[in-house]
């Protein structure tokens, strides 16, 4: 059994990689590094310059913005994808709440991927658009909750 085959599923289930072919997923696998993180470790720190993106293979994290937990993520979830496109400060910290296994892609590897497989750009753009729609929906729900659920 090919141990990287499971990684294909982690990436394929992400909206930004959902339309990728097996060959494209093989290339993504080649560029991704498996990283193990112990419980309690800060994986990414709010305000630091973003350089990489990660998919949670196993374990859980808290997303912490201004010392407040704003979300919890688990297997199949991902974070840091904006850092693949632009080096901007992190908008939140990511803290391991259990031992983690991550698949991590850095911006240099990602740029290599786009150079080698320009067809992947369309899939990524569709996925990023999907992610923006999700974030807008989450913001709308937060606004409604802050307004006492009025609507």
Protein backbone atom coordinates (compact mmCIF):
# COMPACT_ATOMS: atom_id res chain seq x y z
CA UNK A 1 0.00 0.00 0.00
CA UNK A 2 1.30 3.44 -0.89
CA UNK A 3 1.46 5.50 2.34
CA UNK A 4 1.10 8.76 0.39
CA UNK A 5 -2.26 7.66 -1.05
CA UNK A 6 -4.00 8.73 2.19
CA UNK A 7 -2.46 12.17 1.73
CA UNK A 8 -4.15 12.40 -1.66
CA UNK A 9 -7.47 12.16 0.11
CA UNK A 10 -6.55 14.92 2.55
CA UNK A 11 -5.66 17.24 -0.30
CA UNK A 12 -8.48 16.12 -2.63
CA UNK A 13 -11.08 16.87 0.07
CA UNK A 14 -9.94 20.49 0.24
CA UNK A 15 -11.91 22.79 -2.05
CA UNK A 16 -8.77 24.35 -3.52
CA UNK A 17 -7.38 20.96 -4.62
CA UNK A 18 -10.67 19.11 -5.29
CA UNK A 19 -10.40 19.24 -9.10
CA UNK A 20 -6.77 18.13 -9.26
CA UNK A 21 -5.81 15.06 -11.24
CA UNK A 22 -3.91 12.17 -9.64
CA UNK A 23 -0.72 13.42 -11.32
CA UNK A 24 -1.22 16.88 -9.81
CA UNK A 25 -1.93 15.34 -6.41
CA UNK A 26 1.28 13.29 -6.74
CA UNK A 27 3.19 16.53 -7.26
CA UNK A 28 1.50 18.15 -4.27
CA UNK A 29 2.42 15.09 -2.20
CA UNK A 30 6.01 15.39 -3.36
CA UNK A 31 6.18 19.00 -2.16
CA UNK A 32 4.39 18.45 1.16
CA UNK A 33 6.33 17.58 4.30
CA UNK A 34 4.84 15.57 7.14
CA UNK A 35 5.34 17.44 10.42
CA UNK A 36 4.66 16.17 13.94
CA UNK A 37 3.73 18.75 16.58
CA UNK A 38 3.29 18.05 20.32
CA UNK A 39 0.29 19.18 22.35
CA UNK A 40 0.53 22.79 23.50
CA UNK A 41 2.95 23.96 20.81
CA UNK A 42 2.11 27.13 18.88
CA UNK A 43 2.20 26.12 15.22
CA UNK A 44 1.72 29.61 13.79
CA UNK A 45 1.78 32.89 15.69
CA UNK A 46 -0.51 35.87 15.05
CA UNK A 47 1.49 38.73 13.52
CA UNK A 48 4.30 36.53 12.17
CA UNK A 49 4.93 36.61 8.44
CA UNK A 50 3.12 33.74 6.73
CA UNK A 51 5.32 31.32 4.78
CA UNK A 52 3.45 28.01 4.77
CA UNK A 53 0.12 26.27 4.74
CA UNK A 54 -0.90 23.08 6.58
CA UNK A 55 -3.50 20.33 6.42
CA UNK A 56 -4.35 18.52 9.65
CA UNK A 57 -3.91 14.77 9.15
CA UNK A 58 -4.58 13.94 12.80
CA UNK A 59 -5.06 15.92 15.99
CA UNK A 60 -6.75 19.20 16.84
CA UNK A 61 -5.85 22.89 17.08
CA UNK A 62 -7.33 26.08 18.46
CA UNK A 63 -7.36 29.17 16.27
CA UNK A 64 -6.60 32.08 18.59
CA UNK A 65 -7.08 35.73 17.63
CA UNK A 66 -6.14 38.42 20.15
CA UNK A 67 -5.98 35.81 22.96
CA UNK A 68 -9.52 34.54 22.21
CA UNK A 69 -10.20 31.07 20.77
CA UNK A 70 -12.26 31.76 17.65
CA UNK A 71 -12.33 28.27 16.12
CA UNK A 72 -11.26 24.68 16.61
CA UNK A 73 -10.01 22.56 13.73
CA UNK A 74 -9.39 18.85 13.29
CA UNK A 75 -8.47 16.22 10.70
CA UNK A 76 -9.09 17.37 7.14
CA UNK A 77 -9.15 21.05 8.09
CA UNK A 78 -6.43 23.39 6.91
CA UNK A 79 -4.96 26.76 7.75
CA UNK A 80 -2.45 29.27 6.41
CA UNK A 81 -3.52 29.04 2.76
CA UNK A 82 -3.29 32.80 2.23
CA UNK A 83 0.45 32.55 2.96
CA UNK A 84 0.79 30.52 -0.23
CA UNK A 85 -0.29 33.52 -2.26
CA UNK A 86 1.16 36.46 -0.36
CA UNK A 87 3.58 37.00 2.50
CA UNK A 88 1.30 38.80 4.94
CA UNK A 89 1.19 38.75 8.74
CA UNK A 90 -0.81 35.89 10.27
CA UNK A 91 -4.25 37.02 11.40
CA UNK A 92 -4.41 34.39 14.16
CA UNK A 93 -2.30 31.92 16.08
CA UNK A 94 -2.71 28.17 15.74
CA UNK A 95 -2.12 26.14 18.92
CA UNK A 96 -2.01 22.33 19.09
CA UNK A 97 -4.62 21.03 21.55
CA UNK A 98 -3.44 17.45 20.95
CA UNK A 99 -0.48 15.83 19.26
CA UNK A 100 -0.66 16.74 15.56
CA UNK A 101 0.38 15.29 12.26
CA UNK A 102 0.36 17.95 9.55
CA UNK A 103 1.12 18.01 5.84
CA UNK A 104 2.88 21.33 5.21
CA UNK A 105 3.62 23.14 1.94
CA UNK A 106 5.78 26.26 1.96
CA UNK A 107 5.39 29.16 -0.46
CA UNK A 108 8.53 28.30 -2.43
CA UNK A 109 7.27 24.75 -3.01
CA UNK A 110 3.85 26.06 -3.90
CA UNK A 111 5.33 28.47 -6.47
CA UNK A 112 7.28 25.56 -7.95
CA UNK A 113 4.02 23.65 -8.19
CA UNK A 114 2.33 26.51 -10.07
CA UNK A 115 5.32 26.84 -12.41
CA UNK A 116 5.43 23.11 -13.14
CA UNK A 117 1.65 22.59 -13.35
CA UNK A 118 -0.08 25.81 -14.42
CA UNK A 119 -3.36 23.88 -14.86
CA UNK A 120 -3.62 23.63 -11.08
CA UNK A 121 -4.19 27.39 -10.87
CA UNK A 122 -7.80 27.12 -12.05
CA UNK A 123 -8.63 24.53 -9.40
CA UNK A 124 -6.97 26.64 -6.73
CA UNK A 125 -8.83 29.78 -7.77
CA UNK A 126 -12.14 27.93 -7.58
CA UNK A 127 -11.19 26.58 -4.17
CA UNK A 128 -10.15 29.99 -2.85
CA UNK A 129 -13.45 31.45 -4.07
CA UNK A 130 -15.25 28.68 -2.18
CA UNK A 131 -13.24 29.47 0.96
CA UNK A 132 -14.11 33.19 0.68
CA UNK A 133 -17.80 32.32 0.43
CA UNK A 134 -17.47 30.16 3.57
CA UNK A 135 -15.76 32.98 5.44
CA UNK A 136 -18.40 35.50 4.37
CA UNK A 137 -21.15 33.14 5.56
CA UNK A 138 -19.35 32.74 8.91
CA UNK A 139 -19.04 36.53 9.25
CA UNK A 140 -22.74 36.95 8.50
CA UNK A 141 -23.64 34.40 11.17
CA UNK A 142 -21.41 36.18 13.69
CA UNK A 143 -23.02 39.52 12.85
CA UNK A 144 -26.49 38.03 13.32
CA UNK A 145 -25.47 36.48 16.65
CA UNK A 146 -24.01 39.81 17.82
CA UNK A 147 -27.28 41.53 16.89
CA UNK A 148 -29.22 39.09 19.04
CA UNK A 149 -30.12 36.77 16.18
CA UNK A 150 -32.29 39.38 14.52
CA UNK A 151 -33.02 38.95 10.89
